[in-house]
Protein backbone atom coordinates (compact mmCIF):
# COMPACT_ATOMS: atom_id res chain seq x y z
CA UNK A 1 20.37 18.26 16.80
CA UNK A 2 23.88 19.23 15.73
CA UNK A 3 25.17 20.98 12.63
CA UNK A 4 26.37 17.77 11.00
CA UNK A 5 22.92 16.17 11.28
CA UNK A 6 21.13 19.26 9.96
CA UNK A 7 23.50 19.71 7.02
CA UNK A 8 23.31 16.02 6.16
CA UNK A 9 19.53 16.08 6.43
CA UNK A 10 19.24 19.08 4.09
CA UNK A 11 21.60 17.44 1.60
CA UNK A 12 19.64 14.18 1.67
CA UNK A 13 16.33 16.00 1.21
CA UNK A 14 17.55 17.96 -1.83
CA UNK A 15 19.14 14.86 -3.39
CA UNK A 16 15.92 12.90 -2.90
CA UNK A 17 13.90 15.67 -4.57
CA UNK A 18 16.18 15.61 -7.62
CA UNK A 19 15.98 11.82 -7.92
CA UNK A 20 12.19 11.75 -7.55
CA UNK A 21 11.86 14.35 -10.31
CA UNK A 22 14.11 12.24 -12.52
CA UNK A 23 11.97 9.18 -11.77
CA UNK A 24 8.83 10.97 -12.92
CA UNK A 25 10.29 11.42 -16.40
CA UNK A 26 11.85 7.95 -16.33
CA UNK A 27 8.39 6.32 -16.55
CA UNK A 28 8.13 7.33 -20.21
CA UNK A 29 10.99 4.96 -21.00
CA UNK A 30 8.95 2.02 -19.66
CA UNK A 31 6.18 2.00 -22.29
CA UNK A 32 4.02 -0.03 -22.90
CA UNK A 33 3.81 -0.75 -19.15
CA UNK A 34 1.05 1.20 -17.39
CA UNK A 35 1.04 2.76 -13.93
CA UNK A 36 0.10 -0.38 -11.99
CA UNK A 37 2.70 -2.49 -13.79
CA UNK A 38 5.42 0.10 -13.20
CA UNK A 39 4.47 0.35 -9.53
CA UNK A 40 4.66 -3.43 -9.12
CA UNK A 41 7.98 -3.72 -10.93
CA UNK A 42 9.31 -0.81 -8.88
CA UNK A 43 8.55 -2.75 -5.69
CA UNK A 44 10.08 -5.97 -7.06
CA UNK A 45 13.31 -4.27 -8.09
CA UNK A 46 13.50 -2.03 -5.03
CA UNK A 47 13.49 -4.92 -2.53
CA UNK A 48 16.97 -6.22 -3.56
CA UNK A 49 18.30 -2.66 -3.43
CA UNK A 50 16.81 -2.09 0.01
CA UNK A 51 18.36 -5.32 1.31
CA UNK A 52 21.70 -4.40 -0.23
CA UNK A 53 21.41 -1.03 1.51
CA UNK A 54 21.08 -2.82 4.85
CA UNK A 55 24.23 -4.83 4.18
CA UNK A 56 26.28 -1.89 2.88
CA UNK A 57 25.26 0.33 5.80
CA UNK A 58 25.75 -2.50 8.30
CA UNK A 59 22.13 -2.35 9.48
CA UNK A 60 21.52 -6.12 9.80
CA UNK A 61 21.68 -6.01 13.63
CA UNK A 62 19.04 -3.24 13.63
CA UNK A 63 16.92 -5.34 11.26
CA UNK A 64 17.12 -8.27 13.68
CA UNK A 65 16.17 -5.99 16.56
CA UNK A 66 13.11 -4.73 14.67
CA UNK A 67 12.07 -8.31 13.90
CA UNK A 68 12.21 -9.13 17.59
CA UNK A 69 10.17 -6.02 18.41
CA UNK A 70 7.53 -7.03 15.87
CA UNK A 71 7.33 -10.48 17.45
CA UNK A 72 6.51 -9.05 20.90
CA UNK A 73 4.68 -5.81 19.95
CA UNK A 74 1.50 -6.42 17.91
CA UNK A 75 0.74 -2.70 17.68
CA UNK A 76 4.12 -2.10 16.05
CA UNK A 77 3.22 -4.76 13.48
CA UNK A 78 -0.04 -2.94 12.74
CA UNK A 79 1.76 0.41 12.48
CA UNK A 80 4.37 -1.01 10.11
CA UNK A 81 1.69 -2.61 7.91
CA UNK A 82 -0.23 0.68 7.80
CA UNK A 83 2.95 2.60 6.92
CA UNK A 84 3.69 0.11 4.12
CA UNK A 85 0.16 0.53 2.73
CA UNK A 86 0.45 4.34 2.77
CA UNK A 87 3.86 4.19 1.10
CA UNK A 88 2.51 1.80 -1.54
CA UNK A 89 -0.33 4.19 -2.34
CA UNK A 90 2.11 7.08 -2.82
CA UNK A 91 4.48 4.97 -4.93
CA UNK A 92 1.62 3.90 -7.18
CA UNK A 93 0.20 7.37 -7.79
CA UNK A 94 3.70 8.73 -8.46
CA UNK A 95 4.18 6.13 -11.23
CA UNK A 96 0.63 6.41 -12.55
CA UNK A 97 0.29 10.18 -12.87
CA UNK A 98 2.94 10.91 -15.57
CA UNK A 99 1.40 8.28 -17.87
CA UNK A 100 -2.12 9.73 -17.60
CA UNK A 101 -1.48 13.45 -17.91
CA UNK A 102 -1.88 14.01 -14.14
CA UNK A 103 1.73 14.87 -13.24
CA UNK A 104 0.90 18.53 -12.60
CA UNK A 105 -1.91 17.51 -10.22
CA UNK A 106 0.49 15.29 -8.30
CA UNK A 107 3.11 18.03 -8.29
CA UNK A 108 0.52 20.38 -6.74
CA UNK A 109 0.01 17.75 -4.05
CA UNK A 110 3.74 17.88 -3.36
CA UNK A 111 3.50 21.67 -3.21
CA UNK A 112 0.80 21.33 -0.55
CA UNK A 113 2.60 18.56 1.34
CA UNK A 114 5.23 20.84 2.93
CA UNK A 115 2.41 23.02 4.26
CA UNK A 116 0.65 20.05 5.84
CA UNK A 117 3.98 18.80 7.23
CA UNK A 118 4.73 22.20 8.73
CA UNK A 119 1.30 22.23 10.35
CA UNK A 120 1.94 18.74 11.74
CA UNK A 121 5.28 19.92 13.10
CA UNK A 122 3.77 23.02 14.67
CA UNK A 123 0.57 21.62 16.17
CA UNK A 124 1.29 17.90 16.65
CA UNK A 125 4.98 18.00 17.59
CA UNK A 126 4.85 21.54 19.08
CA UNK A 127 7.85 22.73 17.05
CA UNK A 128 8.53 26.47 16.93
CA UNK A 129 8.72 28.30 13.59
CA UNK A 130 10.86 31.35 12.94
CA UNK A 131 9.81 34.36 10.86
CA UNK A 132 11.10 32.99 7.54
CA UNK A 133 9.24 29.73 8.07
CA UNK A 134 6.02 31.58 8.82
CA UNK A 135 6.54 33.70 5.68
CA UNK A 136 7.08 30.54 3.63
CA UNK A 137 3.87 29.10 5.05
CA UNK A 138 2.01 32.34 4.27
CA UNK A 139 3.22 32.24 0.65
CA UNK A 140 2.13 28.62 0.35
CA UNK A 141 -1.29 29.43 1.81
CA UNK A 142 -1.71 32.24 -0.75
CA UNK A 143 -1.03 29.80 -3.57
CA UNK A 144 -3.39 27.24 -2.08
CA UNK A 145 -6.21 29.76 -1.68
CA UNK A 146 -5.78 30.91 -5.27
CA UNK A 147 -5.99 27.33 -6.52
CA UNK A 148 -9.18 26.83 -4.52
CA UNK A 149 -10.64 30.03 -5.95
CA UNK A 150 -9.60 29.07 -9.49
CA UNK A 151 -10.84 25.47 -9.54
CA UNK A 152 -13.27 25.37 -6.58
CA UNK A 153 -11.66 22.04 -5.65
CA UNK A 154 -8.50 19.98 -5.65
CA UNK A 155 -8.07 16.99 -7.92
CA UNK A 156 -8.05 13.70 -6.01
CA UNK A 157 -4.37 12.93 -6.87
CA UNK A 158 -3.47 16.26 -5.24
CA UNK A 159 -5.31 15.34 -2.03
CA UNK A 160 -3.86 11.82 -1.91
CA UNK A 161 -0.34 13.23 -1.87
CA UNK A 162 -0.97 16.21 0.42
CA UNK A 163 -2.97 14.30 3.04
CA UNK A 164 -1.50 10.83 2.69
CA UNK A 165 2.14 11.44 3.59
CA UNK A 166 1.79 13.13 7.05
CA UNK A 167 0.23 10.08 8.76
CA UNK A 168 2.90 7.94 7.13
CA UNK A 169 5.70 9.98 8.68
CA UNK A 170 3.93 10.11 12.04
CA UNK A 171 3.72 6.31 12.00
CA UNK A 172 7.40 6.00 11.12
CA UNK A 173 8.40 8.21 14.01
CA UNK A 174 6.23 6.19 16.37
CA UNK A 175 7.87 2.97 15.15
CA UNK A 176 11.22 4.68 15.79
CA UNK A 177 13.38 2.30 13.78
CA UNK A 178 16.39 2.94 11.56
CA UNK A 179 15.14 4.55 8.29
CA UNK A 180 16.88 2.03 6.03
CA UNK A 181 15.54 -0.88 8.09
CA UNK A 182 11.96 0.44 8.10
CA UNK A 183 12.15 1.09 4.37
CA UNK A 184 13.34 -2.47 3.67
CA UNK A 185 10.57 -3.95 5.82
CA UNK A 186 7.91 -1.81 4.12
CA UNK A 187 9.10 -2.88 0.68
CA UNK A 188 9.14 -6.52 1.78
CA UNK A 189 5.53 -6.21 2.96
CA UNK A 190 4.52 -4.78 -0.43
CA UNK A 191 6.34 -7.50 -2.39
CA UNK A 192 3.63 -10.24 -2.25
CA UNK A 193 0.97 -7.80 -3.50
CA UNK A 194 3.29 -6.63 -6.29
CA UNK A 195 3.98 -10.21 -7.38
CA UNK A 196 0.24 -11.00 -7.46
CA UNK A 197 -0.43 -7.88 -9.54
CA UNK A 198 2.25 -8.78 -12.09
CA UNK A 199 0.88 -12.32 -12.42
CA UNK A 200 -2.75 -11.24 -12.66
CA UNK A 201 -2.02 -8.54 -15.24
CA UNK A 202 0.23 -10.77 -17.43
CA UNK A 203 3.02 -8.25 -17.15
CA UNK A 204 5.80 -10.80 -17.59
CA UNK A 205 4.97 -11.59 -21.24
CA UNK A 206 5.00 -7.86 -22.02
CA UNK A 207 8.70 -7.54 -21.13
CA UNK A 208 9.79 -11.09 -22.02
CA UNK A 209 11.02 -9.98 -25.45
CA UNK A 210 12.48 -6.70 -24.21
CA UNK A 211 15.97 -7.44 -22.82
CA UNK A 212 16.60 -3.70 -22.46
CA UNK A 213 13.62 -3.61 -20.12
CA UNK A 214 14.53 -6.43 -17.72
CA UNK A 215 18.30 -5.98 -17.95
CA UNK A 216 18.57 -2.19 -17.64
CA UNK A 217 15.41 -0.08 -17.41
CA UNK A 218 13.54 -1.91 -14.62
CA UNK A 219 16.67 -2.50 -12.48
CA UNK A 220 17.46 1.18 -13.03
CA UNK A 221 13.98 2.07 -11.73
CA UNK A 222 14.65 0.00 -8.63
CA UNK A 223 18.01 1.69 -8.08
CA UNK A 224 16.51 5.16 -8.46
CA UNK A 225 13.69 4.25 -6.09
CA UNK A 226 16.01 2.79 -3.46
CA UNK A 227 18.41 5.72 -3.40
CA UNK A 228 15.68 8.38 -3.57
CA UNK A 229 13.46 6.86 -0.86
CA UNK A 230 16.45 6.02 1.31
CA UNK A 231 17.64 9.65 1.14
CA UNK A 232 14.13 11.00 1.75
CA UNK A 233 13.48 8.81 4.77
CA UNK A 234 16.95 9.55 6.16
CA UNK A 235 16.21 13.26 5.93
CA UNK A 236 12.88 12.73 7.72
CA UNK A 237 14.75 11.38 10.74
CA UNK A 238 17.56 13.95 10.81
CA UNK A 239 15.50 17.13 10.44
CA UNK A 240 12.78 18.75 12.57
CA UNK A 241 9.38 18.01 11.02
CA UNK A 242 8.77 21.66 10.12
CA UNK A 243 12.12 22.10 8.33
CA UNK A 244 11.74 18.73 6.64
CA UNK A 245 8.31 19.78 5.42
CA UNK A 246 9.43 23.14 4.09
CA UNK A 247 12.36 21.55 2.22
CA UNK A 248 9.72 19.50 0.43
CA UNK A 249 9.05 22.52 -1.78
CA UNK A 250 12.14 21.65 -3.81
CA UNK A 251 10.65 18.46 -5.27
CA UNK A 252 7.41 19.86 -6.76
CA UNK A 253 9.32 22.70 -8.43
CA UNK A 254 11.42 20.08 -10.19
CA UNK A 255 8.34 17.93 -10.94
CA UNK A 256 6.61 20.87 -12.63
CA UNK A 257 9.69 21.37 -14.80
CA UNK A 258 9.71 17.69 -15.78
CA UNK A 259 5.94 17.69 -16.48
CA UNK A 260 6.14 20.73 -18.76
CA UNK A 261 9.51 20.19 -20.46
CA UNK A 262 9.66 16.41 -20.82
CA UNK A 263 6.08 15.10 -20.42
CA UNK A 264 4.37 17.72 -22.60
CA UNK A 265 1.84 18.93 -20.02
CA UNK A 266 0.84 22.58 -20.04
CA UNK A 267 0.12 25.13 -17.35
CA UNK A 268 -2.81 27.51 -17.77
CA UNK A 269 -1.90 31.20 -17.35
CA UNK A 270 -4.20 31.47 -14.35
CA UNK A 271 -2.22 28.77 -12.55
CA UNK A 272 0.82 31.05 -12.36
CA UNK A 273 -0.83 32.84 -9.44
CA UNK A 274 -0.91 29.47 -7.68
CA UNK A 275 2.67 28.52 -8.33
CA UNK A 276 4.47 31.88 -8.01
CA UNK A 277 3.71 32.30 -4.26
CA UNK A 278 4.79 28.72 -3.67
CA UNK A 279 8.02 29.31 -5.57
CA UNK A 280 8.54 32.30 -3.28
CA UNK A 281 8.17 29.86 -0.40
CA UNK A 282 10.95 27.78 -1.97
CA UNK A 283 13.27 30.81 -1.99
CA UNK A 284 12.42 31.62 1.64
CA UNK A 285 13.09 27.98 2.53
CA UNK A 286 16.52 28.11 0.95
CA UNK A 287 17.37 31.31 2.84
CA UNK A 288 16.11 29.77 6.10
CA UNK A 289 18.20 26.63 5.58
CA UNK A 290 21.36 28.64 4.93
CA UNK A 291 20.76 30.82 7.99
CA UNK A 292 20.12 27.77 10.14
CA UNK A 293 23.35 26.10 9.08
CA UNK A 294 25.34 29.28 9.67
CA UNK A 295 23.80 29.73 13.12
CA UNK A 296 24.59 26.18 14.14
CA UNK A 297 28.13 26.55 12.78
CA UNK A 298 28.65 29.65 14.93
CA UNK A 299 27.28 27.84 17.99
CA UNK A 300 29.59 24.91 17.39
CA UNK A 301 32.60 27.19 16.92
CA UNK A 302 31.70 29.03 20.12
CA UNK A 303 31.54 25.78 22.07
CA UNK A 304 34.88 24.68 20.69
CA UNK A 305 36.42 28.04 21.64
CA UNK A 306 35.00 27.76 25.17
CA UNK A 307 36.45 24.28 25.55
CA UNK A 308 39.84 25.53 24.33
CA UNK A 309 39.78 28.43 26.83
CA UNK A 310 38.84 26.05 29.63
CA UNK A 311 41.67 23.70 28.70
CA UNK A 312 44.18 26.57 28.78
CA UNK A 313 43.00 27.62 32.24
């Protein structure tokens, strides 16, 4: 993995985290739609964006290649369907939580997710961790243990996020297709279910007299979703699983800010001992990312210098 890929992966991961945090607050603009309606409309409006992404990034040949693979590889079909189902579950809970006062519980799940991703990277993919990564993991574990001691359990939205994403990313790596192509196929698989939900729940009449909703707000949700998920999935392919997981600490920090500042949720004083160690993990992650980029830059410069010396000889 070269410096350009690592730098681009880090940039995509941070951008995705910022857009996801923005999307969490965006749901408040979509009242009176509830979580299921917003999830279904998100799928409907994301599909055109995902297809446009394939055209703009010239990924139609890769899409055709994946279609041919699906036709001759039944197990790949099953894996793609399972990945779509897991992604749909995460998309739903992300839209549902801010409307039901559960955004902080979901944000805690995103705090735990990097830890589970790092463990997947270390023990499933056999990736090595350096000292800063181990320190970040230790800080995260301290926060997790305090939360367990404080509440004696984790809320189910927390567990859905923390334990639901790792198998999704493992499946995507096994499918080994272009991120934008896989994303478009997953959204397409979710589209029939979303359409049935909108019809069964009479969601169309709710927005029929709201031109701001169907002209601006819902298409805007689809655009945010497409760009954020596209960036996130792109980062998942460009970065080692452990680094990708640790960078995931950025998103829950932003989600907590949105939940408290914009959604009116509150944090109990005792919860600070949960979040402070995890925020320390965020700082260690940032330091690790900077050091990694500088190291790879030095290696690249050294290789270029060696090639120049060889050419002179």
